[in-house]
Amino acid sequence: MAKKLDDIMATLPAQRRARIEGRAMKLATPKVRRKVVEASRKDLSAVFDVVPNTISSST
């Protein structure tokens, strides 16, 4: 049976998990990053004081 990524990550030391998660966020698209932090374009536009269309919706 295949192992789940969450199970493998749980066995790693905290420092190693943090490095992996940090690298994954660098490689992730803006859309994926927004989903991870559960932020909408509207939320981010308010934080950065820009119009929502400025925040990418696709990539």
Protein backbone atom coordinates (compact mmCIF):
# COMPACT_ATOMS: atom_id res chain seq x y z
CA MET A 1 0.00 0.00 0.00
CA ALA A 2 1.29 3.47 -0.84
CA LYS A 3 2.21 5.87 1.93
CA LYS A 4 0.43 9.20 2.18
CA LEU A 5 2.51 12.37 2.05
CA ASP A 6 1.03 13.55 5.35
CA ASP A 7 2.23 10.33 7.02
CA ILE A 8 5.75 10.73 5.63
CA MET A 9 5.91 14.41 6.60
CA ALA A 10 4.76 13.57 10.13
CA THR A 11 7.80 11.33 10.62
CA LEU A 12 10.29 14.07 9.68
CA PRO A 13 11.94 16.38 12.20
CA ALA A 14 10.21 19.77 12.57
CA GLN A 15 13.13 21.69 11.04
CA ARG A 16 13.13 19.48 7.93
CA ARG A 17 9.34 19.80 7.55
CA ALA A 18 9.63 23.59 7.74
CA ARG A 19 12.30 23.62 5.00
CA ILE A 20 10.18 21.42 2.75
CA GLU A 21 7.04 23.48 3.31
CA GLY A 22 8.96 26.71 2.69
CA ARG A 23 10.35 25.40 -0.58
CA ALA A 24 6.92 24.17 -1.65
CA MET A 25 5.46 27.63 -1.06
CA LYS A 26 8.22 29.20 -3.19
CA LEU A 27 7.35 26.85 -6.04
CA ALA A 28 3.58 27.16 -5.66
CA THR A 29 1.52 29.41 -7.89
CA PRO A 30 -0.17 32.46 -6.33
CA LYS A 31 -3.52 30.70 -6.61
CA VAL A 32 -2.24 27.71 -4.62
CA ARG A 33 -0.69 30.00 -2.00
CA ARG A 34 -3.99 31.84 -1.55
CA LYS A 35 -5.76 28.52 -1.01
CA VAL A 36 -3.18 27.43 1.55
CA VAL A 37 -3.69 30.56 3.63
CA GLU A 38 -7.41 30.59 2.79
CA ALA A 39 -7.29 34.17 1.51
CA SER A 40 -9.40 35.51 -1.31
CA ARG A 41 -8.28 38.04 -3.90
CA LYS A 42 -10.45 40.57 -2.07
CA ASP A 43 -8.71 39.84 1.25
CA LEU A 44 -5.24 40.18 -0.26
CA SER A 45 -6.12 43.33 -2.16
CA ALA A 46 -7.21 44.95 1.11
CA VAL A 47 -3.93 43.97 2.78
CA PHE A 48 -1.82 45.34 -0.08
CA ASP A 49 -4.13 48.31 -0.73
CA VAL A 50 -4.69 47.49 -4.42
CA VAL A 51 -7.77 46.65 -6.48
CA PRO A 52 -8.71 42.92 -6.54
CA ASN A 53 -7.98 42.65 -10.26
CA THR A 54 -4.33 43.35 -9.48
CA ILE A 55 -4.13 40.03 -7.64
CA SER A 56 -3.74 37.15 -10.08
CA SER A 57 -6.66 34.75 -10.28
CA SER A 58 -5.21 32.00 -12.41
CA THR A 59 -1.48 31.46 -12.01
